[in-house]
Amino acid sequence: MSRLVHLLVLSLLIAWAHPAAAQAPATVFLEELTWTELRDRIGAGDTTVIVPVGGTEQNGPAMVLGKHNVRVRLLAGRIATGLGHAIVAPVIAYVPEGGVNPPTAHMRFPGTITIPDAAFESTLEYAARSFRVHGFKHIVLIGDHGGYQRNLKRVADKLNREWAATPVRVHAVEEYYLASSSGHAALLKGKGYSDAEIGTHAALADTSLAMAVDPRLVRVERLHASKPGVADGVYGDPSRSSAELGQPGIDLIVARTIDAIRRELAHRDKP
């Protein structure tokens, strides 16, 4: 009898463990997959890859340097999930941020990291070339920062000319950035906030988006201590920022980007 019980327990353990071992994780993030899991996902039709581009820069005294990277990864995940059949590539965190000698733009603040336009575009280009080798058909570039939108388009145009006779296309989807900047600003203006308060960097709009993504990105106790202006790296007034003001902007970015990508894919897939 003891032998029978032992066999029964062993068979139950095997039956319980086998599905867990065989099942791939339900994730859209490339970094969380093994190469065989990714191969199988591509083979099953997940042939769109989203390349999220962030940046490491000053965001005023109240917001962390990696804001763009955290935000674009989370939103890219939501976009990929809503889109379906899409994978999210690792975030590109090193982007053009100004000159080094002398320091210009955000490079005047400690923690900002910059690279030349040529290095940035080469990184994007060879990421796209890598994805093409592995079987992706649509390579989507989205950027959380306004300064390099032209670089994304330049890379997409170059590769699309080269690959014109193939089914592979690169899409620089500016709608993501437009929704996060002018689109979100319009929502806030509709609630009665002024342009001066909404701002363009590390102010009400920007900070509220960050708080909606992850409240740990913002030092709330410093919002009222910030002195808006070039010397502080704040362009606008973040003092009344909140996750509640940021969440509609998050929803807008995700919805508009999904729509824009779907339009791009439908256009490119036409015979």
C-alpha atoms as a PDB file:
ATOM      1  CA  MET A   1       0.000   0.000   0.000  1.00  0.00           C
ATOM      2  CA  SER A   2       2.809   2.404   0.850  1.00  0.00           C
ATOM      3  CA  ARG A   3       4.322   1.839  -2.586  1.00  0.00           C
ATOM      4  CA  LEU A   4       0.965   2.669  -4.197  1.00  0.00           C
ATOM      5  CA  VAL A   5       0.660   5.860  -2.159  1.00  0.00           C
ATOM      6  CA  HIS A   6       4.219   6.821  -3.082  1.00  0.00           C
ATOM      7  CA  LEU A   7       3.514   6.379  -6.802  1.00  0.00           C
ATOM      8  CA  LEU A   8       0.278   8.341  -6.538  1.00  0.00           C
ATOM      9  CA  VAL A   9       2.000  11.259  -4.817  1.00  0.00           C
ATOM     10  CA  LEU A  10       4.823  11.191  -7.370  1.00  0.00           C
ATOM     11  CA  SER A  11       2.398  11.226 -10.298  1.00  0.00           C
ATOM     12  CA  LEU A  12       0.504  14.148  -8.791  1.00  0.00           C
ATOM     13  CA  LEU A  13       3.727  16.112  -8.342  1.00  0.00           C
ATOM     14  CA  ILE A  14       4.729  15.484 -11.960  1.00  0.00           C
ATOM     15  CA  ALA A  15       1.278  16.468 -13.216  1.00  0.00           C
ATOM     16  CA  TRP A  16       1.412  19.671 -11.165  1.00  0.00           C
ATOM     17  CA  ALA A  17       4.949  20.637 -12.186  1.00  0.00           C
ATOM     18  CA  HIS A  18       4.833  19.855 -15.901  1.00  0.00           C
ATOM     19  CA  PRO A  19       2.368  22.587 -17.024  1.00  0.00           C
ATOM     20  CA  ALA A  20       4.292  25.203 -15.054  1.00  0.00           C
ATOM     21  CA  ALA A  21       7.548  24.147 -16.670  1.00  0.00           C
ATOM     22  CA  ALA A  22       6.099  24.050 -20.174  1.00  0.00           C
ATOM     23  CA  GLN A  23       4.136  27.288 -20.100  1.00  0.00           C
ATOM     24  CA  ALA A  24       5.896  30.442 -21.312  1.00  0.00           C
ATOM     25  CA  PRO A  25       5.360  33.575 -19.190  1.00  0.00           C
ATOM     26  CA  ALA A  26       2.541  35.883 -20.196  1.00  0.00           C
ATOM     27  CA  THR A  27       4.709  38.933 -20.827  1.00  0.00           C
ATOM     28  CA  VAL A  28       5.177  41.380 -23.686  1.00  0.00           C
ATOM     29  CA  PHE A  29       8.736  42.277 -22.657  1.00  0.00           C
ATOM     30  CA  LEU A  30      11.539  40.754 -24.712  1.00  0.00           C
ATOM     31  CA  GLU A  31      13.921  40.817 -21.735  1.00  0.00           C
ATOM     32  CA  GLU A  32      11.619  38.524 -19.763  1.00  0.00           C
ATOM     33  CA  LEU A  33      11.580  35.788 -22.427  1.00  0.00           C
ATOM     34  CA  THR A  34      14.103  33.105 -23.298  1.00  0.00           C
ATOM     35  CA  TRP A  35      15.308  33.016 -26.900  1.00  0.00           C
ATOM     36  CA  THR A  36      13.236  29.902 -27.630  1.00  0.00           C
ATOM     37  CA  GLU A  37      10.123  31.493 -26.140  1.00  0.00           C
ATOM     38  CA  LEU A  38      10.662  34.568 -28.294  1.00  0.00           C
ATOM     39  CA  ARG A  39      11.269  32.431 -31.383  1.00  0.00           C
ATOM     40  CA  ASP A  40       8.001  30.624 -30.782  1.00  0.00           C
ATOM     41  CA  ARG A  41       6.113  33.890 -30.177  1.00  0.00           C
ATOM     42  CA  ILE A  42       7.401  35.310 -33.474  1.00  0.00           C
ATOM     43  CA  GLY A  43       6.484  32.069 -35.225  1.00  0.00           C
ATOM     44  CA  ALA A  44       2.977  32.316 -33.791  1.00  0.00           C
ATOM     45  CA  GLY A  45       2.501  35.819 -35.225  1.00  0.00           C
ATOM     46  CA  ASP A  46       3.975  38.259 -32.721  1.00  0.00           C
ATOM     47  CA  THR A  47       5.877  40.057 -35.463  1.00  0.00           C
ATOM     48  CA  THR A  48       5.592  43.660 -34.253  1.00  0.00           C
ATOM     49  CA  VAL A  49       8.302  44.955 -31.939  1.00  0.00           C
ATOM     50  CA  ILE A  50       8.050  48.286 -30.126  1.00  0.00           C
ATOM     51  CA  VAL A  51      11.354  50.032 -29.415  1.00  0.00           C
ATOM     52  CA  PRO A  52      10.782  52.457 -26.503  1.00  0.00           C
ATOM     53  CA  VAL A  53      13.205  55.381 -26.392  1.00  0.00           C
ATOM     54  CA  GLY A  54      13.633  57.271 -23.143  1.00  0.00           C
ATOM     55  CA  GLY A  55      16.568  59.375 -22.008  1.00  0.00           C
ATOM     56  CA  THR A  56      18.541  60.140 -18.870  1.00  0.00           C
ATOM     57  CA  GLU A  57      18.273  63.818 -18.011  1.00  0.00           C
ATOM     58  CA  GLN A  58      17.577  66.342 -15.291  1.00  0.00           C
ATOM     59  CA  ASN A  59      13.916  66.749 -14.465  1.00  0.00           C
ATOM     60  CA  GLY A  60      14.076  69.480 -11.882  1.00  0.00           C
ATOM     61  CA  PRO A  61      14.734  69.038  -8.137  1.00  0.00           C
ATOM     62  CA  ALA A  62      11.536  67.019  -7.576  1.00  0.00           C
ATOM     63  CA  MET A  63      11.672  64.332 -10.289  1.00  0.00           C
ATOM     64  CA  VAL A  64      14.190  61.549 -10.891  1.00  0.00           C
ATOM     65  CA  LEU A  65      16.692  61.463 -13.756  1.00  0.00           C
ATOM     66  CA  GLY A  66      15.251  58.248 -15.207  1.00  0.00           C
ATOM     67  CA  LYS A  67      11.687  59.494 -15.589  1.00  0.00           C
ATOM     68  CA  HIS A  68      11.605  59.023 -19.365  1.00  0.00           C
ATOM     69  CA  ASN A  69      12.904  55.453 -19.154  1.00  0.00           C
ATOM     70  CA  VAL A  70      10.425  54.288 -16.534  1.00  0.00           C
ATOM     71  CA  ARG A  71       7.511  55.999 -18.238  1.00  0.00           C
ATOM     72  CA  VAL A  72       8.165  54.801 -21.770  1.00  0.00           C
ATOM     73  CA  ARG A  73       8.705  51.181 -20.670  1.00  0.00           C
ATOM     74  CA  LEU A  74       5.447  51.003 -18.749  1.00  0.00           C
ATOM     75  CA  LEU A  75       3.437  52.716 -21.486  1.00  0.00           C
ATOM     76  CA  ALA A  76       5.062  50.608 -24.217  1.00  0.00           C
ATOM     77  CA  GLY A  77       3.924  47.534 -22.302  1.00  0.00           C
ATOM     78  CA  ARG A  78       0.350  48.800 -22.175  1.00  0.00           C
ATOM     79  CA  ILE A  79       0.475  49.732 -25.851  1.00  0.00           C
ATOM     80  CA  ALA A  80       1.793  46.306 -26.832  1.00  0.00           C
ATOM     81  CA  THR A  81      -0.882  44.583 -24.780  1.00  0.00           C
ATOM     82  CA  GLY A  82      -3.639  46.687 -26.331  1.00  0.00           C
ATOM     83  CA  LEU A  83      -2.216  46.247 -29.811  1.00  0.00           C
ATOM     84  CA  GLY A  84      -1.817  42.480 -29.596  1.00  0.00           C
ATOM     85  CA  HIS A  85       0.849  40.354 -31.292  1.00  0.00           C
ATOM     86  CA  ALA A  86       3.550  42.789 -30.160  1.00  0.00           C
ATOM     87  CA  ILE A  87       6.766  42.564 -28.159  1.00  0.00           C
ATOM     88  CA  VAL A  88       8.514  45.405 -26.277  1.00  0.00           C
ATOM     89  CA  ALA A  89      12.267  45.775 -26.778  1.00  0.00           C
ATOM     90  CA  PRO A  90      14.619  47.057 -24.034  1.00  0.00           C
ATOM     91  CA  VAL A  91      14.417  50.804 -23.419  1.00  0.00           C
ATOM     92  CA  ILE A  92      17.066  52.953 -25.105  1.00  0.00           C
ATOM     93  CA  ALA A  93      18.187  55.174 -22.236  1.00  0.00           C
ATOM     94  CA  TYR A  94      21.158  56.951 -23.880  1.00  0.00           C
ATOM     95  CA  VAL A  95      20.043  59.731 -26.230  1.00  0.00           C
ATOM     96  CA  PRO A  96      21.220  63.156 -27.475  1.00  0.00           C
ATOM     97  CA  GLU A  97      20.845  65.633 -24.605  1.00  0.00           C
ATOM     98  CA  GLY A  98      23.126  68.528 -25.556  1.00  0.00           C
ATOM     99  CA  GLY A  99      26.793  69.332 -25.855  1.00  0.00           C
ATOM    100  CA  VAL A 100      29.605  68.202 -23.554  1.00  0.00           C
ATOM    101  CA  ASN A 101      32.263  70.877 -23.988  1.00  0.00           C
ATOM    102  CA  PRO A 102      30.887  73.316 -23.126  1.00  0.00           C
ATOM    103  CA  PRO A 103      27.855  71.680 -21.486  1.00  0.00           C
ATOM    104  CA  THR A 104      24.619  72.826 -23.113  1.00  0.00           C
ATOM    105  CA  ALA A 105      20.890  72.166 -22.600  1.00  0.00           C
ATOM    106  CA  HIS A 106      20.244  69.536 -19.916  1.00  0.00           C
ATOM    107  CA  MET A 107      23.950  68.657 -19.787  1.00  0.00           C
ATOM    108  CA  ARG A 108      24.379  71.641 -17.488  1.00  0.00           C
ATOM    109  CA  PHE A 109      22.834  69.508 -14.711  1.00  0.00           C
ATOM    110  CA  PRO A 110      24.533  66.532 -12.999  1.00  0.00           C
ATOM    111  CA  GLY A 111      23.247  63.105 -14.041  1.00  0.00           C
ATOM    112  CA  THR A 112      22.234  63.962 -17.597  1.00  0.00           C
ATOM    113  CA  ILE A 113      23.863  61.629 -20.145  1.00  0.00           C
ATOM    114  CA  THR A 114      24.288  62.572 -23.792  1.00  0.00           C
ATOM    115  CA  ILE A 115      25.491  60.850 -26.941  1.00  0.00           C
ATOM    116  CA  PRO A 116      26.002  62.274 -30.464  1.00  0.00           C
ATOM    117  CA  ASP A 117      23.185  62.100 -33.000  1.00  0.00           C
ATOM    118  CA  ALA A 118      25.214  59.705 -35.166  1.00  0.00           C
ATOM    119  CA  ALA A 119      25.738  57.255 -32.302  1.00  0.00           C
ATOM    120  CA  PHE A 120      22.069  57.416 -31.370  1.00  0.00           C
ATOM    121  CA  GLU A 121      20.869  56.831 -34.913  1.00  0.00           C
ATOM    122  CA  SER A 122      23.336  53.993 -35.389  1.00  0.00           C
ATOM    123  CA  THR A 123      22.012  52.320 -32.233  1.00  0.00           C
ATOM    124  CA  LEU A 124      18.429  52.573 -33.485  1.00  0.00           C
ATOM    125  CA  GLU A 125      19.423  51.363 -36.939  1.00  0.00           C
ATOM    126  CA  TYR A 126      21.220  48.264 -35.720  1.00  0.00           C
ATOM    127  CA  ALA A 127      18.502  47.436 -33.226  1.00  0.00           C
ATOM    128  CA  ALA A 128      16.094  47.454 -36.187  1.00  0.00           C
ATOM    129  CA  ARG A 129      18.471  45.364 -38.301  1.00  0.00           C
ATOM    130  CA  SER A 130      18.701  42.849 -35.452  1.00  0.00           C
ATOM    131  CA  PHE A 131      14.923  42.569 -35.188  1.00  0.00           C
ATOM    132  CA  ARG A 132      14.615  42.048 -38.928  1.00  0.00           C
ATOM    133  CA  VAL A 133      17.062  39.130 -38.757  1.00  0.00           C
ATOM    134  CA  HIS A 134      14.936  37.486 -36.078  1.00  0.00           C
ATOM    135  CA  GLY A 135      11.704  37.663 -38.058  1.00  0.00           C
ATOM    136  CA  PHE A 136       9.937  40.830 -36.960  1.00  0.00           C
ATOM    137  CA  LYS A 137       7.983  42.530 -39.765  1.00  0.00           C
ATOM    138  CA  HIS A 138       7.069  45.827 -38.108  1.00  0.00           C
ATOM    139  CA  ILE A 139       9.578  47.761 -35.998  1.00  0.00           C
ATOM    140  CA  VAL A 140       7.893  50.631 -34.130  1.00  0.00           C
ATOM    141  CA  LEU A 141       9.934  53.482 -32.659  1.00  0.00           C
ATOM    142  CA  ILE A 142       8.287  55.556 -29.917  1.00  0.00           C
ATOM    143  CA  GLY A 143      10.054  58.323 -28.011  1.00  0.00           C
ATOM    144  CA  ASP A 144       9.195  59.926 -24.659  1.00  0.00           C
ATOM    145  CA  HIS A 145      11.372  62.976 -25.350  1.00  0.00           C
ATOM    146  CA  GLY A 146      10.807  65.694 -27.942  1.00  0.00           C
ATOM    147  CA  GLY A 147      14.401  66.433 -28.892  1.00  0.00           C
ATOM    148  CA  TYR A 148      15.097  63.295 -30.912  1.00  0.00           C
ATOM    149  CA  GLN A 149      11.823  62.777 -32.792  1.00  0.00           C
ATOM    150  CA  ARG A 150      13.538  63.819 -36.027  1.00  0.00           C
ATOM    151  CA  ASN A 151      16.238  61.179 -35.433  1.00  0.00           C
ATOM    152  CA  LEU A 152      13.621  58.433 -35.146  1.00  0.00           C
ATOM    153  CA  LYS A 153      12.075  59.501 -38.435  1.00  0.00           C
ATOM    154  CA  ARG A 154      15.449  59.735 -40.151  1.00  0.00           C
ATOM    155  CA  VAL A 155      16.306  56.144 -39.197  1.00  0.00           C
ATOM    156  CA  ALA A 156      12.883  54.869 -40.257  1.00  0.00           C
ATOM    157  CA  ASP A 157      13.090  56.626 -43.621  1.00  0.00           C
ATOM    158  CA  LYS A 158      16.587  55.287 -44.287  1.00  0.00           C
ATOM    159  CA  LEU A 159      15.720  51.665 -43.550  1.00  0.00           C
ATOM    160  CA  ASN A 160      12.373  51.788 -45.350  1.00  0.00           C
ATOM    161  CA  ARG A 161      14.147  52.959 -48.509  1.00  0.00           C
ATOM    162  CA  GLU A 162      16.648  50.134 -48.175  1.00  0.00           C
ATOM    163  CA  TRP A 163      13.988  47.523 -47.426  1.00  0.00           C
ATOM    164  CA  ALA A 164      11.399  48.755 -49.923  1.00  0.00           C
ATOM    165  CA  ALA A 165      11.318  45.405 -51.748  1.00  0.00           C
ATOM    166  CA  THR A 166      10.795  43.436 -48.515  1.00  0.00           C
ATOM    167  CA  PRO A 167       7.793  43.128 -46.178  1.00  0.00           C
ATOM    168  CA  VAL A 168       9.708  44.654 -43.244  1.00  0.00           C
ATOM    169  CA  ARG A 169       8.954  48.248 -42.253  1.00  0.00           C
ATOM    170  CA  VAL A 170      10.112  50.688 -39.583  1.00  0.00           C
ATOM    171  CA  HIS A 171       7.548  53.087 -38.142  1.00  0.00           C
ATOM    172  CA  ALA A 172       8.521  56.270 -36.286  1.00  0.00           C
ATOM    173  CA  VAL A 173       5.254  56.946 -34.444  1.00  0.00           C
ATOM    174  CA  GLU A 174       5.318  60.571 -33.321  1.00  0.00           C
ATOM    175  CA  GLU A 175       1.749  60.376 -32.021  1.00  0.00           C
ATOM    176  CA  TYR A 176       3.097  58.973 -28.746  1.00  0.00           C
ATOM    177  CA  TYR A 177       5.052  62.147 -28.047  1.00  0.00           C
ATOM    178  CA  LEU A 178       2.349  64.477 -29.355  1.00  0.00           C
ATOM    179  CA  ALA A 179      -0.201  62.895 -27.031  1.00  0.00           C
ATOM    180  CA  SER A 180       2.141  63.205 -24.051  1.00  0.00           C
ATOM    181  CA  SER A 181       2.905  66.871 -24.761  1.00  0.00           C
ATOM    182  CA  SER A 182       0.273  68.901 -26.595  1.00  0.00           C
ATOM    183  CA  GLY A 183      -2.468  66.297 -26.117  1.00  0.00           C
ATOM    184  CA  HIS A 184      -2.093  66.108 -22.350  1.00  0.00           C
ATOM    185  CA  ALA A 185      -1.656  69.877 -22.144  1.00  0.00           C
ATOM    186  CA  ALA A 186      -5.001  70.357 -23.892  1.00  0.00           C
ATOM    187  CA  LEU A 187      -6.690  68.123 -21.308  1.00  0.00           C
ATOM    188  CA  LEU A 188      -5.217  70.191 -18.480  1.00  0.00           C
ATOM    189  CA  LYS A 189      -6.206  73.479 -20.110  1.00  0.00           C
ATOM    190  CA  GLY A 190      -9.731  72.107 -20.306  1.00  0.00           C
ATOM    191  CA  LYS A 191      -9.632  71.776 -16.515  1.00  0.00           C
ATOM    192  CA  GLY A 192      -8.651  75.431 -16.136  1.00  0.00           C
ATOM    193  CA  TYR A 193      -4.867  75.203 -15.762  1.00  0.00           C
ATOM    194  CA  SER A 194      -2.783  77.836 -17.527  1.00  0.00           C
ATOM    195  CA  ASP A 195      -0.013  77.343 -20.058  1.00  0.00           C
ATOM    196  CA  ALA A 196       2.444  78.872 -17.592  1.00  0.00           C
ATOM    197  CA  GLU A 197       1.563  76.247 -14.989  1.00  0.00           C
ATOM    198  CA  ILE A 198       1.295  73.292 -17.393  1.00  0.00           C
ATOM    199  CA  GLY A 199       4.757  74.088 -18.738  1.00  0.00           C
ATOM    200  CA  THR A 200       6.970  72.093 -21.060  1.00  0.00           C
ATOM    201  CA  HIS A 201       9.432  70.288 -18.776  1.00  0.00           C
ATOM    202  CA  ALA A 202       9.297  69.095 -15.145  1.00  0.00           C
ATOM    203  CA  ALA A 203       6.162  71.189 -14.613  1.00  0.00           C
ATOM    204  CA  LEU A 204       2.504  70.343 -13.969  1.00  0.00           C
ATOM    205  CA  ALA A 205       1.912  68.125 -17.027  1.00  0.00           C
ATOM    206  CA  ASP A 206       5.231  66.284 -16.989  1.00  0.00           C
ATOM    207  CA  THR A 207       5.247  65.713 -13.240  1.00  0.00           C
ATOM    208  CA  SER A 208       1.629  64.553 -13.127  1.00  0.00           C
ATOM    209  CA  LEU A 209       2.329  61.947 -15.813  1.00  0.00           C
ATOM    210  CA  ALA A 210       5.264  60.662 -13.766  1.00  0.00           C
ATOM    211  CA  MET A 211       3.156  60.474 -10.607  1.00  0.00           C
ATOM    212  CA  ALA A 212       0.493  58.460 -12.454  1.00  0.00           C
ATOM    213  CA  VAL A 213       3.146  56.036 -13.709  1.00  0.00           C
ATOM    214  CA  ASP A 214       4.911  55.594 -10.362  1.00  0.00           C
ATOM    215  CA  PRO A 215       4.684  58.009  -7.412  1.00  0.00           C
ATOM    216  CA  ARG A 216       8.241  57.061  -6.433  1.00  0.00           C
ATOM    217  CA  LEU A 217       9.510  59.065  -9.409  1.00  0.00           C
ATOM    218  CA  VAL A 218       8.566  62.334  -7.707  1.00  0.00           C
ATOM    219  CA  ARG A 219       9.731  63.879  -4.439  1.00  0.00           C
ATOM    220  CA  VAL A 220       6.390  65.392  -3.445  1.00  0.00           C
ATOM    221  CA  GLU A 221       7.877  67.402  -0.585  1.00  0.00           C
ATOM    222  CA  ARG A 222      10.024  69.304  -3.099  1.00  0.00           C
ATOM    223  CA  LEU A 223       7.261  70.325  -5.490  1.00  0.00           C
ATOM    224  CA  HIS A 224       6.500  73.525  -3.617  1.00  0.00           C
ATOM    225  CA  ALA A 225      10.175  74.271  -3.047  1.00  0.00           C
ATOM    226  CA  SER A 226      11.022  74.258  -6.766  1.00  0.00           C
ATOM    227  CA  LYS A 227      11.715  77.624  -8.281  1.00  0.00           C
ATOM    228  CA  PRO A 228      10.483  77.473 -11.857  1.00  0.00           C
ATOM    229  CA  GLY A 229      13.075  78.665 -14.314  1.00  0.00           C
ATOM    230  CA  VAL A 230      16.157  77.799 -16.295  1.00  0.00           C
ATOM    231  CA  ALA A 231      18.428  77.738 -13.225  1.00  0.00           C
ATOM    232  CA  ASP A 232      16.298  75.042 -11.581  1.00  0.00           C
ATOM    233  CA  GLY A 233      15.607  73.028 -14.743  1.00  0.00           C
ATOM    234  CA  VAL A 234      11.853  73.528 -14.394  1.00  0.00           C
ATOM    235  CA  TYR A 235       9.821  75.089 -17.211  1.00  0.00           C
ATOM    236  CA  GLY A 236       6.404  75.731 -15.701  1.00  0.00           C
ATOM    237  CA  ASP A 237       4.986  75.141 -12.209  1.00  0.00           C
ATOM    238  CA  PRO A 238       4.790  71.598 -10.794  1.00  0.00           C
ATOM    239  CA  SER A 239       3.403  72.534  -7.367  1.00  0.00           C
ATOM    240  CA  ARG A 240      -0.166  71.286  -8.028  1.00  0.00           C
ATOM    241  CA  SER A 241       0.874  68.074  -9.782  1.00  0.00           C
ATOM    242  CA  SER A 242      -0.981  64.865  -8.964  1.00  0.00           C
ATOM    243  CA  ALA A 243      -1.506  61.337 -10.240  1.00  0.00           C
ATOM    244  CA  GLU A 244      -5.167  62.237 -10.782  1.00  0.00           C
ATOM    245  CA  LEU A 245      -4.125  64.911 -13.291  1.00  0.00           C
ATOM    246  CA  GLY A 246      -1.676  62.541 -14.945  1.00  0.00           C
ATOM    247  CA  GLN A 247      -3.887  59.483 -15.418  1.00  0.00           C
ATOM    248  CA  PRO A 248      -6.048  60.943 -18.233  1.00  0.00           C
ATOM    249  CA  GLY A 249      -2.815  61.808 -20.033  1.00  0.00           C
ATOM    250  CA  ILE A 250      -1.555  58.231 -19.639  1.00  0.00           C
ATOM    251  CA  ASP A 251      -4.816  56.890 -21.055  1.00  0.00           C
ATOM    252  CA  LEU A 252      -4.625  59.353 -23.943  1.00  0.00           C
ATOM    253  CA  ILE A 253      -1.049  58.402 -24.845  1.00  0.00           C
ATOM    254  CA  VAL A 254      -1.844  54.686 -24.868  1.00  0.00           C
ATOM    255  CA  ALA A 255      -5.071  55.030 -26.870  1.00  0.00           C
ATOM    256  CA  ARG A 256      -3.703  57.430 -29.477  1.00  0.00           C
ATOM    257  CA  THR A 257      -0.504  55.458 -29.959  1.00  0.00           C
ATOM    258  CA  ILE A 258      -2.363  52.194 -30.442  1.00  0.00           C
ATOM    259  CA  ASP A 259      -4.599  53.875 -33.041  1.00  0.00           C
ATOM    260  CA  ALA A 260      -1.586  55.398 -34.812  1.00  0.00           C
ATOM    261  CA  ILE A 261       0.276  52.077 -34.947  1.00  0.00           C
ATOM    262  CA  ARG A 262      -2.783  50.269 -36.246  1.00  0.00           C
ATOM    263  CA  ARG A 263      -3.158  52.849 -39.007  1.00  0.00           C
ATOM    264  CA  GLU A 264       0.521  52.488 -39.903  1.00  0.00           C
ATOM    265  CA  LEU A 265       0.339  48.712 -40.022  1.00  0.00           C
ATOM    266  CA  ALA A 266      -2.871  48.710 -42.051  1.00  0.00           C
ATOM    267  CA  HIS A 267      -1.370  51.148 -44.552  1.00  0.00           C
ATOM    268  CA  ARG A 268       1.882  49.223 -44.914  1.00  0.00           C
ATOM    269  CA  ASP A 269       0.129  45.863 -45.199  1.00  0.00           C
ATOM    270  CA  LYS A 270      -1.995  46.945 -48.148  1.00  0.00           C
ATOM    271  CA  PRO A 271      -1.087  45.055 -51.334  1.00  0.00           C
END
